[in-house]
Amino acid sequence: MAEAQEQQPQEPMHKASNRIQVSSSKKPMFFYVNLSKRLLAEHGDIHLSALGMAVSTMVSIAEILKKDGLAVETRLSTCMDSLGGEGGRRPVQKAKMEILLKKSDNFDELIAAEKERQAAEGAAHHEEEEEHGEEDGEEAEE
């Protein structure tokens, strides 16, 4: 039995960590968009998967990444998945979709530009808060 396990090619452990199972109710969509960006940067590709009502959320995530020029779709698959069926219950058929995305050629440049923009916005916001704080302090002294 141990010999059979050695003969089967095993997927590297890090590959499992680039898989995102999208839910339509557990997390907001942009949680998944940001997670996808982070995993694309780390692994170079991501595997999005969703069942039932979550399929539309997953498609939106993939389309945002593609529209922003961050990812390219390399594979798309659909099927019907049987869930449940334990305890004498009938299995429920759910639509399942999987999308494999890889980093675009200019992913790193786009992410660097996004981080610079966020840093500049953060600095401007911080300066604005300091100006309002000084004004409030002056009013309090009067």
N, C-alpha and C. Protein backbone atom coordinates (compact mmCIF):
# COMPACT_ATOMS: atom_id res chain seq x y z
N MET A 1 0.83 -1.20 0.00
CA MET A 1 0.00 0.00 0.00
C MET A 1 0.87 1.25 0.00
N ALA A 2 1.97 1.24 0.71
CA ALA A 2 2.87 2.39 0.73
C ALA A 2 3.47 2.61 -0.65
N GLU A 3 3.68 1.53 -1.41
CA GLU A 3 4.25 1.67 -2.75
C GLU A 3 3.30 2.42 -3.66
N ALA A 4 2.00 2.18 -3.54
CA ALA A 4 1.01 2.85 -4.39
C ALA A 4 1.02 4.34 -4.11
N GLN A 5 1.17 4.72 -2.86
CA GLN A 5 1.19 6.14 -2.53
C GLN A 5 2.42 6.82 -3.11
N GLU A 6 3.56 6.14 -3.14
CA GLU A 6 4.78 6.72 -3.68
C GLU A 6 4.70 6.93 -5.17
N GLN A 7 3.94 6.08 -5.88
CA GLN A 7 3.85 6.16 -7.32
C GLN A 7 2.97 7.32 -7.77
N GLN A 8 2.01 7.72 -6.93
CA GLN A 8 1.11 8.81 -7.30
C GLN A 8 1.82 10.15 -7.18
N PRO A 9 1.80 10.95 -8.25
CA PRO A 9 2.42 12.28 -8.11
C PRO A 9 1.62 13.13 -7.15
N GLN A 10 2.32 13.75 -6.23
CA GLN A 10 1.65 14.58 -5.25
C GLN A 10 1.88 16.05 -5.58
N GLU A 11 0.82 16.81 -5.42
CA GLU A 11 0.90 18.24 -5.66
C GLU A 11 1.69 18.88 -4.52
N PRO A 12 2.56 19.84 -4.80
CA PRO A 12 3.32 20.49 -3.72
C PRO A 12 2.37 21.11 -2.70
N MET A 13 2.79 21.15 -1.44
CA MET A 13 1.95 21.67 -0.37
C MET A 13 1.54 23.12 -0.61
N HIS A 14 2.42 23.94 -1.18
CA HIS A 14 2.09 25.36 -1.35
C HIS A 14 0.96 25.56 -2.35
N LYS A 15 0.74 24.60 -3.23
CA LYS A 15 -0.33 24.75 -4.22
C LYS A 15 -1.70 24.82 -3.55
N ALA A 16 -1.90 24.09 -2.46
CA ALA A 16 -3.18 24.10 -1.77
C ALA A 16 -3.46 25.48 -1.17
N SER A 17 -2.43 26.23 -0.84
CA SER A 17 -2.64 27.52 -0.20
C SER A 17 -2.97 28.63 -1.21
N ASN A 18 -2.99 28.30 -2.50
CA ASN A 18 -3.40 29.31 -3.47
C ASN A 18 -4.83 29.05 -3.94
N ARG A 19 -5.56 28.24 -3.22
CA ARG A 19 -6.95 27.92 -3.53
C ARG A 19 -7.87 28.76 -2.65
N ILE A 20 -8.85 29.41 -3.27
CA ILE A 20 -9.80 30.23 -2.53
C ILE A 20 -11.20 29.67 -2.79
N GLN A 21 -11.88 29.27 -1.73
CA GLN A 21 -13.25 28.81 -1.85
C GLN A 21 -14.15 29.99 -1.49
N VAL A 22 -14.82 30.52 -2.48
CA VAL A 22 -15.61 31.74 -2.33
C VAL A 22 -16.99 31.41 -1.76
N SER A 23 -17.41 32.20 -0.80
CA SER A 23 -18.74 32.11 -0.22
C SER A 23 -19.48 33.40 -0.53
N SER A 24 -20.77 33.32 -0.73
CA SER A 24 -21.53 34.54 -1.02
C SER A 24 -22.00 35.22 0.26
N SER A 25 -21.84 34.55 1.41
CA SER A 25 -22.38 35.13 2.64
C SER A 25 -21.36 35.31 3.76
N LYS A 26 -20.21 34.65 3.71
CA LYS A 26 -19.29 34.71 4.85
C LYS A 26 -18.39 35.93 4.85
N LYS A 27 -17.92 36.35 3.70
CA LYS A 27 -16.98 37.48 3.62
C LYS A 27 -17.43 38.43 2.52
N PRO A 28 -17.12 39.72 2.65
CA PRO A 28 -17.43 40.65 1.56
C PRO A 28 -16.57 40.36 0.33
N MET A 29 -17.07 40.72 -0.83
CA MET A 29 -16.39 40.41 -2.09
C MET A 29 -14.97 40.98 -2.11
N PHE A 30 -14.76 42.19 -1.62
CA PHE A 30 -13.43 42.78 -1.72
C PHE A 30 -12.43 42.13 -0.76
N PHE A 31 -12.91 41.38 0.23
CA PHE A 31 -12.00 40.53 1.01
C PHE A 31 -11.34 39.53 0.07
N TYR A 32 -12.15 38.91 -0.80
CA TYR A 32 -11.64 37.92 -1.74
C TYR A 32 -10.76 38.55 -2.81
N VAL A 33 -11.10 39.76 -3.25
CA VAL A 33 -10.27 40.46 -4.24
C VAL A 33 -8.89 40.72 -3.65
N ASN A 34 -8.84 41.25 -2.44
CA ASN A 34 -7.54 41.54 -1.79
C ASN A 34 -6.76 40.27 -1.49
N LEU A 35 -7.45 39.22 -1.04
CA LEU A 35 -6.79 37.94 -0.80
C LEU A 35 -6.22 37.38 -2.11
N SER A 36 -6.97 37.52 -3.19
CA SER A 36 -6.51 37.05 -4.50
C SER A 36 -5.25 37.78 -4.93
N LYS A 37 -5.20 39.08 -4.73
CA LYS A 37 -4.01 39.86 -5.08
C LYS A 37 -2.80 39.36 -4.30
N ARG A 38 -3.00 39.13 -2.99
CA ARG A 38 -1.90 38.68 -2.15
C ARG A 38 -1.40 37.30 -2.58
N LEU A 39 -2.33 36.39 -2.88
CA LEU A 39 -1.94 35.04 -3.29
C LEU A 39 -1.33 35.02 -4.69
N LEU A 40 -1.81 35.88 -5.57
CA LEU A 40 -1.18 35.99 -6.90
C LEU A 40 0.26 36.45 -6.75
N ALA A 41 0.50 37.43 -5.89
CA ALA A 41 1.86 37.93 -5.67
C ALA A 41 2.75 36.83 -5.10
N GLU A 42 2.20 36.02 -4.22
CA GLU A 42 2.97 34.98 -3.54
C GLU A 42 3.20 33.74 -4.40
N HIS A 43 2.17 33.31 -5.14
CA HIS A 43 2.22 32.02 -5.85
C HIS A 43 2.27 32.13 -7.37
N GLY A 44 1.84 33.27 -7.92
CA GLY A 44 1.83 33.42 -9.37
C GLY A 44 0.54 32.98 -10.03
N ASP A 45 -0.25 32.15 -9.33
CA ASP A 45 -1.56 31.78 -9.83
C ASP A 45 -2.48 31.48 -8.66
N ILE A 46 -3.79 31.52 -8.92
CA ILE A 46 -4.78 31.19 -7.90
C ILE A 46 -5.87 30.35 -8.52
N HIS A 47 -6.49 29.56 -7.67
CA HIS A 47 -7.57 28.68 -8.07
C HIS A 47 -8.81 29.12 -7.29
N LEU A 48 -9.77 29.77 -7.97
CA LEU A 48 -11.02 30.19 -7.34
C LEU A 48 -12.05 29.09 -7.52
N SER A 49 -12.84 28.83 -6.49
CA SER A 49 -13.85 27.78 -6.54
C SER A 49 -15.09 28.28 -5.82
N ALA A 50 -16.28 27.95 -6.36
CA ALA A 50 -17.53 28.36 -5.71
C ALA A 50 -18.65 27.39 -6.05
N LEU A 51 -19.62 27.32 -5.14
CA LEU A 51 -20.80 26.49 -5.32
C LEU A 51 -22.06 27.36 -5.30
N GLY A 52 -23.05 26.97 -6.08
CA GLY A 52 -24.37 27.59 -6.02
C GLY A 52 -24.37 29.09 -6.19
N MET A 53 -24.98 29.78 -5.22
CA MET A 53 -25.16 31.23 -5.30
C MET A 53 -23.83 31.99 -5.24
N ALA A 54 -22.78 31.36 -4.76
CA ALA A 54 -21.48 32.03 -4.65
C ALA A 54 -20.78 32.14 -6.00
N VAL A 55 -21.28 31.44 -7.02
CA VAL A 55 -20.64 31.46 -8.34
C VAL A 55 -20.60 32.89 -8.90
N SER A 56 -21.69 33.64 -8.74
CA SER A 56 -21.71 35.00 -9.29
C SER A 56 -20.70 35.90 -8.58
N THR A 57 -20.52 35.71 -7.27
CA THR A 57 -19.52 36.46 -6.52
C THR A 57 -18.12 36.14 -7.04
N MET A 58 -17.86 34.85 -7.27
CA MET A 58 -16.54 34.44 -7.76
C MET A 58 -16.26 35.01 -9.15
N VAL A 59 -17.26 35.00 -10.02
CA VAL A 59 -17.09 35.56 -11.36
C VAL A 59 -16.78 37.05 -11.27
N SER A 60 -17.45 37.75 -10.36
CA SER A 60 -17.18 39.18 -10.17
C SER A 60 -15.74 39.41 -9.71
N ILE A 61 -15.26 38.58 -8.81
CA ILE A 61 -13.88 38.69 -8.32
C ILE A 61 -12.90 38.52 -9.47
N ALA A 62 -13.10 37.47 -10.26
CA ALA A 62 -12.22 37.20 -11.40
C ALA A 62 -12.25 38.35 -12.41
N GLU A 63 -13.44 38.88 -12.67
CA GLU A 63 -13.57 39.96 -13.65
C GLU A 63 -12.93 41.26 -13.16
N ILE A 64 -12.99 41.54 -11.87
CA ILE A 64 -12.33 42.72 -11.31
C ILE A 64 -10.82 42.60 -11.50
N LEU A 65 -10.27 41.43 -11.17
CA LEU A 65 -8.83 41.21 -11.32
C LEU A 65 -8.40 41.32 -12.78
N LYS A 66 -9.21 40.80 -13.68
CA LYS A 66 -8.88 40.86 -15.11
C LYS A 66 -9.01 42.30 -15.63
N LYS A 67 -10.09 42.99 -15.23
CA LYS A 67 -10.32 44.37 -15.69
C LYS A 67 -9.20 45.29 -15.22
N ASP A 68 -8.70 45.06 -14.01
CA ASP A 68 -7.62 45.88 -13.46
C ASP A 68 -6.26 45.50 -14.04
N GLY A 69 -6.23 44.49 -14.91
CA GLY A 69 -4.98 44.09 -15.56
C GLY A 69 -4.07 43.25 -14.68
N LEU A 70 -4.60 42.73 -13.57
CA LEU A 70 -3.77 41.99 -12.62
C LEU A 70 -3.69 40.49 -12.92
N ALA A 71 -4.70 39.95 -13.60
CA ALA A 71 -4.74 38.50 -13.80
C ALA A 71 -5.23 38.16 -15.20
N VAL A 72 -4.86 36.95 -15.61
CA VAL A 72 -5.29 36.39 -16.89
C VAL A 72 -5.92 35.03 -16.59
N GLU A 73 -7.08 34.79 -17.17
CA GLU A 73 -7.77 33.52 -16.98
C GLU A 73 -7.08 32.44 -17.79
N THR A 74 -6.74 31.33 -17.14
CA THR A 74 -6.09 30.24 -17.87
C THR A 74 -6.98 29.01 -17.99
N ARG A 75 -7.96 28.88 -17.10
CA ARG A 75 -8.86 27.73 -17.18
C ARG A 75 -10.16 28.05 -16.48
N LEU A 76 -11.23 27.49 -17.02
CA LEU A 76 -12.57 27.65 -16.45
C LEU A 76 -13.26 26.30 -16.55
N SER A 77 -13.85 25.85 -15.45
CA SER A 77 -14.58 24.59 -15.51
C SER A 77 -15.87 24.70 -14.71
N THR A 78 -16.89 23.98 -15.17
CA THR A 78 -18.19 23.95 -14.49
C THR A 78 -18.63 22.50 -14.36
N CYS A 79 -19.42 22.24 -13.34
CA CYS A 79 -20.01 20.91 -13.16
C CYS A 79 -21.14 21.02 -12.14
N MET A 80 -21.84 19.92 -11.94
CA MET A 80 -22.85 19.82 -10.89
C MET A 80 -22.25 18.95 -9.79
N ASP A 81 -22.32 19.41 -8.56
CA ASP A 81 -21.75 18.69 -7.42
C ASP A 81 -22.90 18.19 -6.54
N SER A 82 -22.81 16.96 -6.11
CA SER A 82 -23.81 16.40 -5.18
C SER A 82 -23.33 16.63 -3.76
N LEU A 83 -24.17 17.26 -2.97
CA LEU A 83 -23.84 17.52 -1.57
C LEU A 83 -24.86 16.84 -0.67
N GLY A 84 -24.42 16.44 0.49
CA GLY A 84 -25.32 15.83 1.47
C GLY A 84 -25.57 14.38 1.16
N GLY A 85 -26.79 13.93 1.39
CA GLY A 85 -27.14 12.55 1.13
C GLY A 85 -26.90 11.64 2.33
N GLU A 86 -26.38 12.19 3.45
CA GLU A 86 -26.16 11.38 4.64
C GLU A 86 -27.48 11.22 5.40
N GLY A 87 -27.55 10.18 6.17
CA GLY A 87 -28.72 9.97 7.03
C GLY A 87 -30.01 9.75 6.27
N GLY A 88 -29.95 9.15 5.11
CA GLY A 88 -31.15 8.86 4.33
C GLY A 88 -31.69 10.04 3.55
N ARG A 89 -31.03 11.19 3.63
CA ARG A 89 -31.49 12.36 2.86
C ARG A 89 -31.01 12.27 1.43
N ARG A 90 -31.77 12.85 0.55
CA ARG A 90 -31.38 12.89 -0.87
C ARG A 90 -30.25 13.89 -1.06
N PRO A 91 -29.27 13.55 -1.90
CA PRO A 91 -28.21 14.53 -2.17
C PRO A 91 -28.76 15.74 -2.93
N VAL A 92 -28.20 16.88 -2.64
CA VAL A 92 -28.61 18.13 -3.30
C VAL A 92 -27.60 18.42 -4.40
N GLN A 93 -28.10 18.74 -5.58
CA GLN A 93 -27.23 19.10 -6.70
C GLN A 93 -26.97 20.61 -6.67
N LYS A 94 -25.71 20.99 -6.71
CA LYS A 94 -25.32 22.41 -6.73
C LYS A 94 -24.39 22.65 -7.91
N ALA A 95 -24.58 23.79 -8.54
CA ALA A 95 -23.67 24.20 -9.61
C ALA A 95 -22.31 24.52 -8.99
N LYS A 96 -21.24 24.08 -9.64
CA LYS A 96 -19.89 24.36 -9.17
C LYS A 96 -19.09 24.94 -10.33
N MET A 97 -18.32 25.98 -10.02
CA MET A 97 -17.47 26.59 -11.03
C MET A 97 -16.09 26.80 -10.43
N GLU A 98 -15.08 26.59 -11.25
CA GLU A 98 -13.70 26.83 -10.85
C GLU A 98 -13.01 27.66 -11.92
N ILE A 99 -12.22 28.62 -11.47
CA ILE A 99 -11.47 29.48 -12.39
C ILE A 99 -10.02 29.48 -11.94
N LEU A 100 -9.13 29.25 -12.87
CA LEU A 100 -7.69 29.34 -12.59
C LEU A 100 -7.19 30.63 -13.23
N LEU A 101 -6.58 31.49 -12.40
CA LEU A 101 -6.04 32.76 -12.87
C LEU A 101 -4.54 32.78 -12.63
N LYS A 102 -3.81 33.41 -13.54
CA LYS A 102 -2.37 33.60 -13.32
C LYS A 102 -2.08 35.09 -13.34
N LYS A 103 -0.95 35.45 -12.75
CA LYS A 103 -0.52 36.86 -12.73
C LYS A 103 -0.36 37.35 -14.16
N SER A 104 -0.76 38.59 -14.38
CA SER A 104 -0.51 39.21 -15.68
C SER A 104 0.97 39.58 -15.77
N ASP A 105 1.42 39.86 -16.97
CA ASP A 105 2.83 40.22 -17.16
C ASP A 105 3.23 41.49 -16.41
N ASN A 106 2.28 42.41 -16.25
CA ASN A 106 2.60 43.67 -15.57
C ASN A 106 2.00 43.74 -14.16
N PHE A 107 1.71 42.60 -13.56
CA PHE A 107 1.13 42.52 -12.21
C PHE A 107 1.98 43.29 -11.19
N ASP A 108 3.28 43.01 -11.17
CA ASP A 108 4.15 43.62 -10.16
C ASP A 108 4.18 45.14 -10.26
N GLU A 109 4.22 45.66 -11.48
CA GLU A 109 4.22 47.12 -11.67
C GLU A 109 2.90 47.73 -11.22
N LEU A 110 1.78 47.06 -11.55
CA LEU A 110 0.47 47.58 -11.17
C LEU A 110 0.29 47.58 -9.65
N ILE A 111 0.75 46.53 -8.98
CA ILE A 111 0.65 46.46 -7.51
C ILE A 111 1.54 47.53 -6.87
N ALA A 112 2.74 47.72 -7.40
CA ALA A 112 3.64 48.75 -6.86
C ALA A 112 3.00 50.13 -7.01
N ALA A 113 2.39 50.40 -8.16
CA ALA A 113 1.73 51.70 -8.38
C ALA A 113 0.55 51.86 -7.43
N GLU A 114 -0.19 50.79 -7.20
CA GLU A 114 -1.34 50.84 -6.27
C GLU A 114 -0.87 51.14 -4.85
N LYS A 115 0.23 50.52 -4.43
CA LYS A 115 0.77 50.76 -3.09
C LYS A 115 1.26 52.20 -2.95
N GLU A 116 1.91 52.74 -3.99
CA GLU A 116 2.37 54.14 -3.97
C GLU A 116 1.19 55.08 -3.84
N ARG A 117 0.12 54.80 -4.60
CA ARG A 117 -1.07 55.64 -4.57
C ARG A 117 -1.71 55.60 -3.19
N GLN A 118 -1.80 54.40 -2.60
CA GLN A 118 -2.38 54.27 -1.26
C GLN A 118 -1.53 54.99 -0.22
N ALA A 119 -0.20 54.92 -0.35
CA ALA A 119 0.68 55.61 0.58
C ALA A 119 0.51 57.12 0.46
N ALA A 120 0.40 57.62 -0.77
CA ALA A 120 0.20 59.06 -0.99
C ALA A 120 -1.14 59.51 -0.42
N GLU A 121 -2.19 58.71 -0.63
CA GLU A 121 -3.50 59.05 -0.08
C GLU A 121 -3.47 59.03 1.44
N GLY A 122 -2.76 58.06 2.02
CA GLY A 122 -2.64 57.97 3.47
C GLY A 122 -1.91 59.17 4.04
N ALA A 123 -0.83 59.61 3.36
CA ALA A 123 -0.06 60.76 3.82
C ALA A 123 -0.91 62.03 3.72
N ALA A 124 -1.66 62.18 2.64
CA ALA A 124 -2.52 63.35 2.47
C ALA A 124 -3.61 63.36 3.54
N HIS A 125 -4.16 62.21 3.83
CA HIS A 125 -5.20 62.11 4.86
C HIS A 125 -4.63 62.45 6.23
N HIS A 126 -3.41 61.98 6.50
CA HIS A 126 -2.74 62.27 7.78
C HIS A 126 -2.49 63.77 7.93
N GLU A 127 -2.02 64.43 6.86
CA GLU A 127 -1.78 65.88 6.90
C GLU A 127 -3.08 66.63 7.14
N GLU A 128 -4.15 66.15 6.49
CA GLU A 128 -5.45 66.79 6.65
C GLU A 128 -5.92 66.68 8.10
N GLU A 129 -5.71 65.52 8.72
CA GLU A 129 -6.09 65.34 10.12
C GLU A 129 -5.28 66.27 11.03
N GLU A 130 -3.99 66.42 10.74
CA GLU A 130 -3.15 67.31 11.55
C GLU A 130 -3.63 68.75 11.44
N GLU A 131 -3.99 69.19 10.23
CA GLU A 131 -4.48 70.56 10.04
C GLU A 131 -5.75 70.78 10.84
N HIS A 132 -6.68 69.81 10.78
CA HIS A 132 -7.93 69.95 11.53
C HIS A 132 -7.67 69.89 13.03
N GLY A 133 -6.71 69.10 13.44
CA GLY A 133 -6.35 69.01 14.86
C GLY A 133 -5.80 70.33 15.38
N GLU A 134 -4.95 71.01 14.56
CA GLU A 134 -4.39 72.30 14.95
C GLU A 134 -5.50 73.34 15.06
N GLU A 135 -6.44 73.32 14.09
CA GLU A 135 -7.53 74.28 14.12
C GLU A 135 -8.38 74.07 15.35
N ASP A 136 -8.68 72.79 15.66
CA ASP A 136 -9.50 72.48 16.84
C ASP A 136 -8.78 72.93 18.10
N GLY A 137 -7.47 72.75 18.16
CA GLY A 137 -6.67 73.14 19.33
C GLY A 137 -6.68 74.64 19.52
N GLU A 138 -6.62 75.39 18.41
CA GLU A 138 -6.62 76.85 18.50
C GLU A 138 -7.96 77.34 19.00
N GLU A 139 -9.04 76.71 18.52
CA GLU A 139 -10.38 77.11 18.96
C GLU A 139 -10.55 76.82 20.46
N ALA A 140 -9.99 75.72 20.92
CA ALA A 140 -10.13 75.34 22.33
C ALA A 140 -9.43 76.35 23.23
N GLU A 141 -8.32 76.96 22.74
CA GLU A 141 -7.57 77.91 23.57
C GLU A 141 -8.32 79.21 23.72
N GLU A 142 -9.14 79.58 22.73
CA GLU A 142 -9.85 80.86 22.76
C GLU A 142 -10.95 80.87 23.71
